[in-house]
């Protein structure tokens, strides 16, 4: 069954252009934690929260500053991650393959197959 992922700016609700949509989709499998990442060509900003920093959030090029201000207000006292300064280039997936290998190895030590 085909799936369409819908990205919206947290501030204004705008959706990305097709090229930026592809860039955002390529970041979905990234296992970053507490990091900002740029999505070009539309200058979108992705916040990879996870854990104590909440969910992933997105902002269009016009509202990058507002998203950072919002995140710094909510999570700024928890650590340095929300205070990171740009630019925030995306250099490909990080951690994904290593994390999958770790999960496979832990399954064999923690329980029956299908765990």
PDB file of N, CA and C in Angstrom:
ATOM      1  N   UNK A   1       0.840  -1.168   0.000  1.00  0.00           N
ATOM      2  CA  UNK A   1       0.000   0.000   0.000  1.00  0.00           C
ATOM      3  C   UNK A   1       0.889   1.237   0.000  1.00  0.00           C
ATOM      4  N   UNK A   2       0.707   2.140  -0.954  1.00  0.00           N
ATOM      5  CA  UNK A   2       1.517   3.356  -0.993  1.00  0.00           C
ATOM      6  C   UNK A   2       1.205   4.283   0.183  1.00  0.00           C
ATOM      7  N   UNK A   3       2.238   4.955   0.616  1.00  0.00           N
ATOM      8  CA  UNK A   3       2.108   5.885   1.738  1.00  0.00           C
ATOM      9  C   UNK A   3       2.665   7.241   1.319  1.00  0.00           C
ATOM     10  N   UNK A   4       1.992   8.298   1.722  1.00  0.00           N
ATOM     11  CA  UNK A   4       2.469   9.654   1.489  1.00  0.00           C
ATOM     12  C   UNK A   4       2.724  10.287   2.851  1.00  0.00           C
ATOM     13  N   UNK A   5       3.946  10.761   3.047  1.00  0.00           N
ATOM     14  CA  UNK A   5       4.300  11.427   4.297  1.00  0.00           C
ATOM     15  C   UNK A   5       4.005  12.911   4.130  1.00  0.00           C
ATOM     16  N   UNK A   6       3.282  13.471   5.079  1.00  0.00           N
ATOM     17  CA  UNK A   6       2.900  14.879   5.013  1.00  0.00           C
ATOM     18  C   UNK A   6       3.718  15.650   6.039  1.00  0.00           C
ATOM     19  N   UNK A   7       4.502  16.609   5.553  1.00  0.00           N
ATOM     20  CA  UNK A   7       5.283  17.493   6.409  1.00  0.00           C
ATOM     21  C   UNK A   7       4.608  18.855   6.408  1.00  0.00           C
ATOM     22  N   UNK A   8       4.544  19.469   7.587  1.00  0.00           N
ATOM     23  CA  UNK A   8       3.975  20.810   7.704  1.00  0.00           C
ATOM     24  C   UNK A   8       4.850  21.643   8.618  1.00  0.00           C
ATOM     25  N   UNK A   9       4.937  22.918   8.314  1.00  0.00           N
ATOM     26  CA  UNK A   9       5.650  23.854   9.174  1.00  0.00           C
ATOM     27  C   UNK A   9       4.897  23.951  10.502  1.00  0.00           C
ATOM     28  N   UNK A  10       5.631  23.871  11.601  1.00  0.00           N
ATOM     29  CA  UNK A  10       5.024  23.957  12.931  1.00  0.00           C
ATOM     30  C   UNK A  10       4.343  25.305  13.166  1.00  0.00           C
ATOM     31  N   UNK A  11       4.815  26.338  12.506  1.00  0.00           N
ATOM     32  CA  UNK A  11       4.340  27.689  12.775  1.00  0.00           C
ATOM     33  C   UNK A  11       3.176  28.075  11.868  1.00  0.00           C
ATOM     34  N   UNK A  12       3.339  27.889  10.550  1.00  0.00           N
ATOM     35  CA  UNK A  12       2.317  28.388   9.617  1.00  0.00           C
ATOM     36  C   UNK A  12       1.516  27.292   8.909  1.00  0.00           C
ATOM     37  N   UNK A  13       1.931  26.041   9.020  1.00  0.00           N
ATOM     38  CA  UNK A  13       1.196  24.956   8.383  1.00  0.00           C
ATOM     39  C   UNK A  13       1.511  24.754   6.909  1.00  0.00           C
ATOM     40  N   UNK A  14       2.473  25.497   6.363  1.00  0.00           N
ATOM     41  CA  UNK A  14       2.856  25.360   4.957  1.00  0.00           C
ATOM     42  C   UNK A  14       3.487  23.987   4.713  1.00  0.00           C
ATOM     43  N   UNK A  15       3.302  23.482   3.500  1.00  0.00           N
ATOM     44  CA  UNK A  15       3.917  22.218   3.099  1.00  0.00           C
ATOM     45  C   UNK A  15       5.096  22.492   2.175  1.00  0.00           C
ATOM     46  N   UNK A  16       6.096  21.596   2.164  1.00  0.00           N
ATOM     47  CA  UNK A  16       7.286  21.834   1.349  1.00  0.00           C
ATOM     48  C   UNK A  16       7.044  21.599  -0.138  1.00  0.00           C
ATOM     49  N   UNK A  17       7.917  22.199  -0.959  1.00  0.00           N
ATOM     50  CA  UNK A  17       7.894  21.951  -2.390  1.00  0.00           C
ATOM     51  C   UNK A  17       8.382  20.516  -2.639  1.00  0.00           C
ATOM     52  N   UNK A  18       8.189  19.966  -3.837  1.00  0.00           N
ATOM     53  CA  UNK A  18       8.553  18.560  -4.094  1.00  0.00           C
ATOM     54  C   UNK A  18      10.021  18.221  -3.819  1.00  0.00           C
ATOM     55  N   UNK A  19      10.959  19.099  -4.177  1.00  0.00           N
ATOM     56  CA  UNK A  19      12.377  18.808  -3.941  1.00  0.00           C
ATOM     57  C   UNK A  19      12.693  18.774  -2.443  1.00  0.00           C
ATOM     58  N   UNK A  20      12.123  19.695  -1.696  1.00  0.00           N
ATOM     59  CA  UNK A  20      12.340  19.714  -0.242  1.00  0.00           C
ATOM     60  C   UNK A  20      11.638  18.536   0.416  1.00  0.00           C
ATOM     61  N   UNK A  21      10.482  18.141  -0.107  1.00  0.00           N
ATOM     62  CA  UNK A  21       9.772  16.964   0.392  1.00  0.00           C
ATOM     63  C   UNK A  21      10.677  15.732   0.335  1.00  0.00           C
ATOM     64  N   UNK A  22      11.384  15.558  -0.782  1.00  0.00           N
ATOM     65  CA  UNK A  22      12.304  14.424  -0.914  1.00  0.00           C
ATOM     66  C   UNK A  22      13.437  14.511   0.101  1.00  0.00           C
ATOM     67  N   UNK A  23      13.958  15.706   0.332  1.00  0.00           N
ATOM     68  CA  UNK A  23      15.027  15.877   1.320  1.00  0.00           C
ATOM     69  C   UNK A  23      14.531  15.535   2.725  1.00  0.00           C
ATOM     70  N   UNK A  24      13.326  15.945   3.048  1.00  0.00           N
ATOM     71  CA  UNK A  24      12.758  15.633   4.369  1.00  0.00           C
ATOM     72  C   UNK A  24      12.496  14.139   4.513  1.00  0.00           C
ATOM     73  N   UNK A  25      12.012  13.504   3.455  1.00  0.00           N
ATOM     74  CA  UNK A  25      11.773  12.066   3.498  1.00  0.00           C
ATOM     75  C   UNK A  25      13.072  11.292   3.711  1.00  0.00           C
ATOM     76  N   UNK A  26      14.160  11.761   3.113  1.00  0.00           N
ATOM     77  CA  UNK A  26      15.434  11.064   3.274  1.00  0.00           C
ATOM     78  C   UNK A  26      15.955  11.162   4.712  1.00  0.00           C
ATOM     79  N   UNK A  27      15.486  12.126   5.479  1.00  0.00           N
ATOM     80  CA  UNK A  27      15.913  12.266   6.875  1.00  0.00           C
ATOM     81  C   UNK A  27      15.102  11.401   7.840  1.00  0.00           C
ATOM     82  N   UNK A  28      14.030  10.800   7.381  1.00  0.00           N
ATOM     83  CA  UNK A  28      13.149  10.060   8.281  1.00  0.00           C
ATOM     84  C   UNK A  28      13.834   8.895   8.990  1.00  0.00           C
ATOM     85  N   UNK A  29      14.732   8.198   8.317  1.00  0.00           N
ATOM     86  CA  UNK A  29      15.396   7.047   8.918  1.00  0.00           C
ATOM     87  C   UNK A  29      16.613   7.420   9.751  1.00  0.00           C
ATOM     88  N   UNK A  30      16.904   8.699   9.843  1.00  0.00           N
ATOM     89  CA  UNK A  30      18.053   9.164  10.603  1.00  0.00           C
ATOM     90  C   UNK A  30      17.767   9.026  12.097  1.00  0.00           C
ATOM     91  N   UNK A  31      18.716   8.473  12.839  1.00  0.00           N
ATOM     92  CA  UNK A  31      18.520   8.259  14.277  1.00  0.00           C
ATOM     93  C   UNK A  31      19.195   9.339  15.121  1.00  0.00           C
ATOM     94  N   UNK A  32      19.177  10.551  14.657  1.00  0.00           N
ATOM     95  CA  UNK A  32      19.754  11.649  15.436  1.00  0.00           C
ATOM     96  C   UNK A  32      18.906  11.909  16.674  1.00  0.00           C
ATOM     97  N   UNK A  33      19.509  12.587  17.633  1.00  0.00           N
ATOM     98  CA  UNK A  33      18.826  12.896  18.888  1.00  0.00           C
ATOM     99  C   UNK A  33      19.223  14.309  19.306  1.00  0.00           C
ATOM    100  N   UNK A  34      18.238  15.191  19.423  1.00  0.00           N
ATOM    101  CA  UNK A  34      18.504  16.552  19.867  1.00  0.00           C
ATOM    102  C   UNK A  34      19.365  17.343  18.901  1.00  0.00           C
ATOM    103  N   UNK A  35      19.054  17.262  17.605  1.00  0.00           N
ATOM    104  CA  UNK A  35      19.839  17.990  16.609  1.00  0.00           C
ATOM    105  C   UNK A  35      18.937  18.676  15.602  1.00  0.00           C
ATOM    106  N   UNK A  36      19.421  19.810  15.117  1.00  0.00           N
ATOM    107  CA  UNK A  36      18.787  20.496  14.003  1.00  0.00           C
ATOM    108  C   UNK A  36      19.455  20.008  12.720  1.00  0.00           C
ATOM    109  N   UNK A  37      18.662  19.885  11.646  1.00  0.00           N
ATOM    110  CA  UNK A  37      19.217  19.507  10.346  1.00  0.00           C
ATOM    111  C   UNK A  37      18.486  20.312   9.278  1.00  0.00           C
ATOM    112  N   UNK A  38      19.252  20.866   8.332  1.00  0.00           N
ATOM    113  CA  UNK A  38      18.678  21.620   7.222  1.00  0.00           C
ATOM    114  C   UNK A  38      18.151  20.677   6.148  1.00  0.00           C
ATOM    115  N   UNK A  39      17.109  21.110   5.464  1.00  0.00           N
ATOM    116  CA  UNK A  39      16.572  20.393   4.306  1.00  0.00           C
ATOM    117  C   UNK A  39      16.496  21.396   3.162  1.00  0.00           C
ATOM    118  N   UNK A  40      17.343  21.190   2.193  1.00  0.00           N
ATOM    119  CA  UNK A  40      17.399  22.092   1.040  1.00  0.00           C
ATOM    120  C   UNK A  40      16.593  21.509  -0.104  1.00  0.00           C
ATOM    121  N   UNK A  41      16.142  22.243  -1.074  1.00  0.00           N
ATOM    122  CA  UNK A  41      16.451  23.619  -1.390  1.00  0.00           C
ATOM    123  C   UNK A  41      15.525  24.630  -0.740  1.00  0.00           C
ATOM    124  N   UNK A  42      14.522  24.215   0.009  1.00  0.00           N
ATOM    125  CA  UNK A  42      13.554  25.152   0.569  1.00  0.00           C
ATOM    126  C   UNK A  42      13.937  25.773   1.893  1.00  0.00           C
ATOM    127  N   UNK A  43      15.177  25.531   2.372  1.00  0.00           N
ATOM    128  CA  UNK A  43      15.671  26.066   3.647  1.00  0.00           C
ATOM    129  C   UNK A  43      14.850  25.611   4.839  1.00  0.00           C
ATOM    130  N   UNK A  44      14.220  24.439   4.763  1.00  0.00           N
ATOM    131  CA  UNK A  44      13.456  23.928   5.895  1.00  0.00           C
ATOM    132  C   UNK A  44      14.412  23.472   6.984  1.00  0.00           C
ATOM    133  N   UNK A  45      13.937  23.497   8.225  1.00  0.00           N
ATOM    134  CA  UNK A  45      14.723  23.065   9.368  1.00  0.00           C
ATOM    135  C   UNK A  45      13.989  21.925  10.053  1.00  0.00           C
ATOM    136  N   UNK A  46      14.712  20.844  10.316  1.00  0.00           N
ATOM    137  CA  UNK A  46      14.155  19.691  11.026  1.00  0.00           C
ATOM    138  C   UNK A  46      14.784  19.638  12.412  1.00  0.00           C
ATOM    139  N   UNK A  47      13.965  19.449  13.422  1.00  0.00           N
ATOM    140  CA  UNK A  47      14.444  19.220  14.787  1.00  0.00           C
ATOM    141  C   UNK A  47      14.243  17.744  15.074  1.00  0.00           C
ATOM    142  N   UNK A  48      15.344  17.021  15.219  1.00  0.00           N
ATOM    143  CA  UNK A  48      15.282  15.599  15.576  1.00  0.00           C
ATOM    144  C   UNK A  48      15.315  15.525  17.097  1.00  0.00           C
ATOM    145  N   UNK A  49      14.160  15.563  17.719  1.00  0.00           N
ATOM    146  CA  UNK A  49      14.081  15.583  19.166  1.00  0.00           C
ATOM    147  C   UNK A  49      14.416  14.232  19.782  1.00  0.00           C
ATOM    148  N   UNK A  50      13.456  13.375  19.824  1.00  0.00           N
ATOM    149  CA  UNK A  50      13.553  12.042  20.426  1.00  0.00           C
ATOM    150  C   UNK A  50      13.915  12.137  21.906  1.00  0.00           C
ATOM    151  N   UNK A  51      13.372  11.247  22.673  1.00  0.00           N
ATOM    152  CA  UNK A  51      13.673  11.209  24.093  1.00  0.00           C
ATOM    153  C   UNK A  51      13.139  12.424  24.830  1.00  0.00           C
ATOM    154  N   UNK A  52      13.984  13.025  25.643  1.00  0.00           N
ATOM    155  CA  UNK A  52      13.550  14.152  26.468  1.00  0.00           C
ATOM    156  C   UNK A  52      13.261  15.406  25.667  1.00  0.00           C
ATOM    157  N   UNK A  53      13.699  15.450  24.403  1.00  0.00           N
ATOM    158  CA  UNK A  53      13.502  16.629  23.571  1.00  0.00           C
ATOM    159  C   UNK A  53      12.260  16.549  22.690  1.00  0.00           C
ATOM    160  N   UNK A  54      11.383  15.629  22.960  1.00  0.00           N
ATOM    161  CA  UNK A  54      10.119  15.577  22.239  1.00  0.00           C
ATOM    162  C   UNK A  54      10.216  14.964  20.857  1.00  0.00           C
ATOM    163  N   UNK A  55       9.220  15.237  20.060  1.00  0.00           N
ATOM    164  CA  UNK A  55       9.103  14.638  18.726  1.00  0.00           C
ATOM    165  C   UNK A  55       9.865  15.446  17.691  1.00  0.00           C
ATOM    166  N   UNK A  56       9.913  14.889  16.468  1.00  0.00           N
ATOM    167  CA  UNK A  56      10.505  15.639  15.362  1.00  0.00           C
ATOM    168  C   UNK A  56       9.585  16.790  15.006  1.00  0.00           C
ATOM    169  N   UNK A  57      10.181  17.944  14.696  1.00  0.00           N
ATOM    170  CA  UNK A  57       9.418  19.125  14.320  1.00  0.00           C
ATOM    171  C   UNK A  57      10.047  19.738  13.079  1.00  0.00           C
ATOM    172  N   UNK A  58       9.218  20.452  12.317  1.00  0.00           N
ATOM    173  CA  UNK A  58       9.656  21.009  11.046  1.00  0.00           C
ATOM    174  C   UNK A  58       9.260  22.476  10.954  1.00  0.00           C
ATOM    175  N   UNK A  59      10.108  23.272  10.285  1.00  0.00           N
ATOM    176  CA  UNK A  59       9.795  24.683  10.053  1.00  0.00           C
ATOM    177  C   UNK A  59      10.241  25.056   8.647  1.00  0.00           C
ATOM    178  N   UNK A  60       9.410  25.856   7.975  1.00  0.00           N
ATOM    179  CA  UNK A  60       9.761  26.347   6.641  1.00  0.00           C
ATOM    180  C   UNK A  60      10.873  27.383   6.775  1.00  0.00           C
ATOM    181  N   UNK A  61      11.423  27.796   5.649  1.00  0.00           N
ATOM    182  CA  UNK A  61      12.537  28.739   5.653  1.00  0.00           C
ATOM    183  C   UNK A  61      12.241  30.048   6.351  1.00  0.00           C
ATOM    184  N   UNK A  62      10.996  30.482   6.306  1.00  0.00           N
ATOM    185  CA  UNK A  62      10.631  31.754   6.929  1.00  0.00           C
ATOM    186  C   UNK A  62      10.496  31.659   8.445  1.00  0.00           C
ATOM    187  N   UNK A  63      10.280  30.459   8.980  1.00  0.00           N
ATOM    188  CA  UNK A  63       9.984  30.314  10.400  1.00  0.00           C
ATOM    189  C   UNK A  63      11.027  29.496  11.168  1.00  0.00           C
ATOM    190  N   UNK A  64      12.219  29.405  10.629  1.00  0.00           N
ATOM    191  CA  UNK A  64      13.297  28.670  11.314  1.00  0.00           C
ATOM    192  C   UNK A  64      13.575  29.270  12.691  1.00  0.00           C
ATOM    193  N   UNK A  65      13.668  30.574  12.755  1.00  0.00           N
ATOM    194  CA  UNK A  65      13.962  31.253  14.020  1.00  0.00           C
ATOM    195  C   UNK A  65      12.881  31.042  15.068  1.00  0.00           C
ATOM    196  N   UNK A  66      11.630  31.054  14.629  1.00  0.00           N
ATOM    197  CA  UNK A  66      10.523  30.836  15.563  1.00  0.00           C
ATOM    198  C   UNK A  66      10.552  29.421  16.138  1.00  0.00           C
ATOM    199  N   UNK A  67      10.894  28.433  15.287  1.00  0.00           N
ATOM    200  CA  UNK A  67      10.981  27.063  15.787  1.00  0.00           C
ATOM    201  C   UNK A  67      12.100  26.943  16.809  1.00  0.00           C
ATOM    202  N   UNK A  68      13.255  27.527  16.516  1.00  0.00           N
ATOM    203  CA  UNK A  68      14.362  27.470  17.476  1.00  0.00           C
ATOM    204  C   UNK A  68      13.988  28.152  18.787  1.00  0.00           C
ATOM    205  N   UNK A  69      13.311  29.290  18.714  1.00  0.00           N
ATOM    206  CA  UNK A  69      12.901  29.992  19.937  1.00  0.00           C
ATOM    207  C   UNK A  69      11.935  29.140  20.754  1.00  0.00           C
ATOM    208  N   UNK A  70      11.004  28.493  20.078  1.00  0.00           N
ATOM    209  CA  UNK A  70      10.043  27.631  20.759  1.00  0.00           C
ATOM    210  C   UNK A  70      10.745  26.469  21.456  1.00  0.00           C
ATOM    211  N   UNK A  71      11.667  25.823  20.746  1.00  0.00           N
ATOM    212  CA  UNK A  71      12.384  24.680  21.320  1.00  0.00           C
ATOM    213  C   UNK A  71      13.286  25.106  22.466  1.00  0.00           C
ATOM    214  N   UNK A  72      13.919  26.256  22.335  1.00  0.00           N
ATOM    215  CA  UNK A  72      14.784  26.737  23.411  1.00  0.00           C
ATOM    216  C   UNK A  72      13.978  27.095  24.647  1.00  0.00           C
ATOM    217  N   UNK A  73      12.782  27.607  24.447  1.00  0.00           N
ATOM    218  CA  UNK A  73      11.917  27.924  25.588  1.00  0.00           C
ATOM    219  C   UNK A  73      11.491  26.659  26.325  1.00  0.00           C
ATOM    220  N   UNK A  74      11.135  25.623  25.563  1.00  0.00           N
ATOM    221  CA  UNK A  74      10.628  24.395  26.184  1.00  0.00           C
ATOM    222  C   UNK A  74      11.727  23.465  26.681  1.00  0.00           C
ATOM    223  N   UNK A  75      12.816  23.337  25.931  1.00  0.00           N
ATOM    224  CA  UNK A  75      13.835  22.338  26.249  1.00  0.00           C
ATOM    225  C   UNK A  75      15.202  22.928  26.568  1.00  0.00           C
ATOM    226  N   UNK A  76      15.335  24.228  26.591  1.00  0.00           N
ATOM    227  CA  UNK A  76      16.632  24.874  26.775  1.00  0.00           C
ATOM    228  C   UNK A  76      17.315  24.585  28.085  1.00  0.00           C
ATOM    229  N   UNK A  77      16.571  24.259  29.119  1.00  0.00           N
ATOM    230  CA  UNK A  77      17.183  23.969  30.415  1.00  0.00           C
ATOM    231  C   UNK A  77      17.602  22.509  30.560  1.00  0.00           C
ATOM    232  N   UNK A  78      17.236  21.671  29.588  1.00  0.00           N
ATOM    233  CA  UNK A  78      17.563  20.247  29.675  1.00  0.00           C
ATOM    234  C   UNK A  78      18.947  19.909  29.133  1.00  0.00           C
ATOM    235  N   UNK A  79      19.516  20.764  28.335  1.00  0.00           N
ATOM    236  CA  UNK A  79      20.836  20.486  27.763  1.00  0.00           C
ATOM    237  C   UNK A  79      21.206  21.514  26.722  1.00  0.00           C
ATOM    238  N   UNK A  80      22.352  21.287  26.088  1.00  0.00           N
ATOM    239  CA  UNK A  80      22.875  22.241  25.114  1.00  0.00           C
ATOM    240  C   UNK A  80      22.274  22.064  23.725  1.00  0.00           C
ATOM    241  N   UNK A  81      21.660  20.949  23.442  1.00  0.00           N
ATOM    242  CA  UNK A  81      21.183  20.631  22.095  1.00  0.00           C
ATOM    243  C   UNK A  81      20.290  21.713  21.471  1.00  0.00           C
ATOM    244  N   UNK A  82      19.272  22.225  22.169  1.00  0.00           N
ATOM    245  CA  UNK A  82      18.433  23.249  21.539  1.00  0.00           C
ATOM    246  C   UNK A  82      19.155  24.564  21.264  1.00  0.00           C
ATOM    247  N   UNK A  83      20.308  24.778  21.853  1.00  0.00           N
ATOM    248  CA  UNK A  83      21.035  26.033  21.692  1.00  0.00           C
ATOM    249  C   UNK A  83      22.054  25.982  20.562  1.00  0.00           C
ATOM    250  N   UNK A  84      22.101  24.911  19.799  1.00  0.00           N
ATOM    251  CA  UNK A  84      23.071  24.769  18.713  1.00  0.00           C
ATOM    252  C   UNK A  84      22.918  25.899  17.693  1.00  0.00           C
ATOM    253  N   UNK A  85      24.048  26.372  17.183  1.00  0.00           N
ATOM    254  CA  UNK A  85      24.069  27.432  16.180  1.00  0.00           C
ATOM    255  C   UNK A  85      24.237  26.810  14.799  1.00  0.00           C
ATOM    256  N   UNK A  86      23.646  27.419  13.775  1.00  0.00           N
ATOM    257  CA  UNK A  86      23.709  26.912  12.408  1.00  0.00           C
ATOM    258  C   UNK A  86      25.006  27.274  11.731  1.00  0.00           C
ATOM    259  N   UNK A  87      25.242  26.847  10.528  1.00  0.00           N
ATOM    260  CA  UNK A  87      24.355  26.030   9.697  1.00  0.00           C
ATOM    261  C   UNK A  87      24.310  24.583  10.182  1.00  0.00           C
ATOM    262  N   UNK A  88      23.280  23.880   9.744  1.00  0.00           N
ATOM    263  CA  UNK A  88      23.046  22.505  10.183  1.00  0.00           C
ATOM    264  C   UNK A  88      22.949  21.587   8.964  1.00  0.00           C
ATOM    265  N   UNK A  89      24.054  21.348   8.254  1.00  0.00           N
ATOM    266  CA  UNK A  89      23.981  20.535   7.039  1.00  0.00           C
ATOM    267  C   UNK A  89      23.678  19.077   7.355  1.00  0.00           C
ATOM    268  N   UNK A  90      22.994  18.433   6.424  1.00  0.00           N
ATOM    269  CA  UNK A  90      22.703  17.011   6.560  1.00  0.00           C
ATOM    270  C   UNK A  90      23.722  16.259   5.743  1.00  0.00           C
ATOM    271  N   UNK A  91      24.489  15.392   6.370  1.00  0.00           N
ATOM    272  CA  UNK A  91      25.553  14.668   5.686  1.00  0.00           C
ATOM    273  C   UNK A  91      25.201  13.197   5.518  1.00  0.00           C
ATOM    274  N   UNK A  92      23.934  12.888   5.437  1.00  0.00           N
ATOM    275  CA  UNK A  92      23.515  11.494   5.294  1.00  0.00           C
ATOM    276  C   UNK A  92      23.070  10.909   6.617  1.00  0.00           C
ATOM    277  N   UNK A  93      22.543   9.706   6.532  1.00  0.00           N
ATOM    278  CA  UNK A  93      22.028   9.056   7.738  1.00  0.00           C
ATOM    279  C   UNK A  93      23.133   8.829   8.746  1.00  0.00           C
ATOM    280  N   UNK A  94      22.763   8.968  10.002  1.00  0.00           N
ATOM    281  CA  UNK A  94      23.722   8.700  11.059  1.00  0.00           C
ATOM    282  C   UNK A  94      23.135   7.672  12.010  1.00  0.00           C
ATOM    283  N   UNK A  95      23.921   6.661  12.319  1.00  0.00           N
ATOM    284  CA  UNK A  95      23.536   5.705  13.343  1.00  0.00           C
ATOM    285  C   UNK A  95      22.583   4.622  12.920  1.00  0.00           C
ATOM    286  N   UNK A  96      21.968   4.742  11.803  1.00  0.00           N
ATOM    287  CA  UNK A  96      20.903   3.819  11.440  1.00  0.00           C
ATOM    288  C   UNK A  96      21.394   2.384  11.288  1.00  0.00           C
ATOM    289  N   UNK A  97      22.410   2.171  10.481  1.00  0.00           N
ATOM    290  CA  UNK A  97      22.892   0.810  10.239  1.00  0.00           C
ATOM    291  C   UNK A  97      23.482   0.195  11.506  1.00  0.00           C
ATOM    292  N   UNK A  98      24.238   0.970  12.247  1.00  0.00           N
ATOM    293  CA  UNK A  98      24.826   0.486  13.495  1.00  0.00           C
ATOM    294  C   UNK A  98      23.729   0.123  14.497  1.00  0.00           C
ATOM    295  N   UNK A  99      22.711   0.959  14.591  1.00  0.00           N
ATOM    296  CA  UNK A  99      21.614   0.697  15.522  1.00  0.00           C
ATOM    297  C   UNK A  99      20.875  -0.589  15.137  1.00  0.00           C
ATOM    298  N   UNK A 100      20.667  -0.815  13.860  1.00  0.00           N
ATOM    299  CA  UNK A 100      19.990  -2.037  13.433  1.00  0.00           C
ATOM    300  C   UNK A 100      20.810  -3.272  13.775  1.00  0.00           C
ATOM    301  N   UNK A 101      22.129  -3.208  13.584  1.00  0.00           N
ATOM    302  CA  UNK A 101      22.985  -4.341  13.953  1.00  0.00           C
ATOM    303  C   UNK A 101      22.900  -4.591  15.454  1.00  0.00           C
ATOM    304  N   UNK A 102      22.889  -3.541  16.251  1.00  0.00           N
ATOM    305  CA  UNK A 102      22.801  -3.684  17.698  1.00  0.00           C
ATOM    306  C   UNK A 102      21.480  -4.330  18.098  1.00  0.00           C
ATOM    307  N   UNK A 103      20.378  -3.898  17.503  1.00  0.00           N
ATOM    308  CA  UNK A 103      19.077  -4.473  17.825  1.00  0.00           C
ATOM    309  C   UNK A 103      19.058  -5.952  17.484  1.00  0.00           C
ATOM    310  N   UNK A 104      19.609  -6.320  16.329  1.00  0.00           N
ATOM    311  CA  UNK A 104      19.644  -7.736  15.946  1.00  0.00           C
ATOM    312  C   UNK A 104      20.462  -8.547  16.938  1.00  0.00           C
ATOM    313  N   UNK A 105      21.586  -8.007  17.392  1.00  0.00           N
ATOM    314  CA  UNK A 105      22.421  -8.761  18.338  1.00  0.00           C
ATOM    315  C   UNK A 105      21.748  -8.856  19.705  1.00  0.00           C
ATOM    316  N   UNK A 106      21.023  -7.829  20.119  1.00  0.00           N
ATOM    317  CA  UNK A 106      20.351  -7.868  21.417  1.00  0.00           C
ATOM    318  C   UNK A 106      19.166  -8.824  21.413  1.00  0.00           C
ATOM    319  N   UNK A 107      18.512  -8.969  20.295  1.00  0.00           N
ATOM    320  CA  UNK A 107      17.387  -9.910  20.223  1.00  0.00           C
ATOM    321  C   UNK A 107      17.832 -11.317  20.557  1.00  0.00           C
ATOM    322  N   UNK A 108      19.025 -11.678  20.137  1.00  0.00           N
ATOM    323  CA  UNK A 108      19.493 -13.036  20.381  1.00  0.00           C
ATOM    324  C   UNK A 108      19.865 -13.261  21.845  1.00  0.00           C
ATOM    325  N   UNK A 109      20.111 -12.201  22.618  1.00  0.00           N
ATOM    326  CA  UNK A 109      20.486 -12.353  24.018  1.00  0.00           C
ATOM    327  C   UNK A 109      19.345 -12.143  24.999  1.00  0.00           C
ATOM    328  N   UNK A 110      18.276 -11.484  24.572  1.00  0.00           N
ATOM    329  CA  UNK A 110      17.225 -11.100  25.520  1.00  0.00           C
ATOM    330  C   UNK A 110      15.983 -11.978  25.532  1.00  0.00           C
ATOM    331  N   UNK A 111      15.780 -12.752  24.563  1.00  0.00           N
ATOM    332  CA  UNK A 111      14.529 -13.491  24.626  1.00  0.00           C
ATOM    333  C   UNK A 111      14.310 -14.396  23.433  1.00  0.00           C
ATOM    334  N   UNK A 112      13.118 -14.947  23.382  1.00  0.00           N
ATOM    335  CA  UNK A 112      12.799 -15.870  22.305  1.00  0.00           C
ATOM    336  C   UNK A 112      12.719 -15.137  20.970  1.00  0.00           C
ATOM    337  N   UNK A 113      12.788 -15.893  19.878  1.00  0.00           N
ATOM    338  CA  UNK A 113      12.634 -15.271  18.575  1.00  0.00           C
ATOM    339  C   UNK A 113      11.302 -14.529  18.492  1.00  0.00           C
ATOM    340  N   UNK A 114      11.322 -13.429  17.826  1.00  0.00           N
ATOM    341  CA  UNK A 114      10.100 -12.625  17.723  1.00  0.00           C
ATOM    342  C   UNK A 114      10.010 -11.553  18.785  1.00  0.00           C
ATOM    343  N   UNK A 115      11.014 -11.489  19.652  1.00  0.00           N
ATOM    344  CA  UNK A 115      11.045 -10.460  20.702  1.00  0.00           C
ATOM    345  C   UNK A 115      11.195  -9.106  20.092  1.00  0.00           C
TER     346      UNK A 115
END
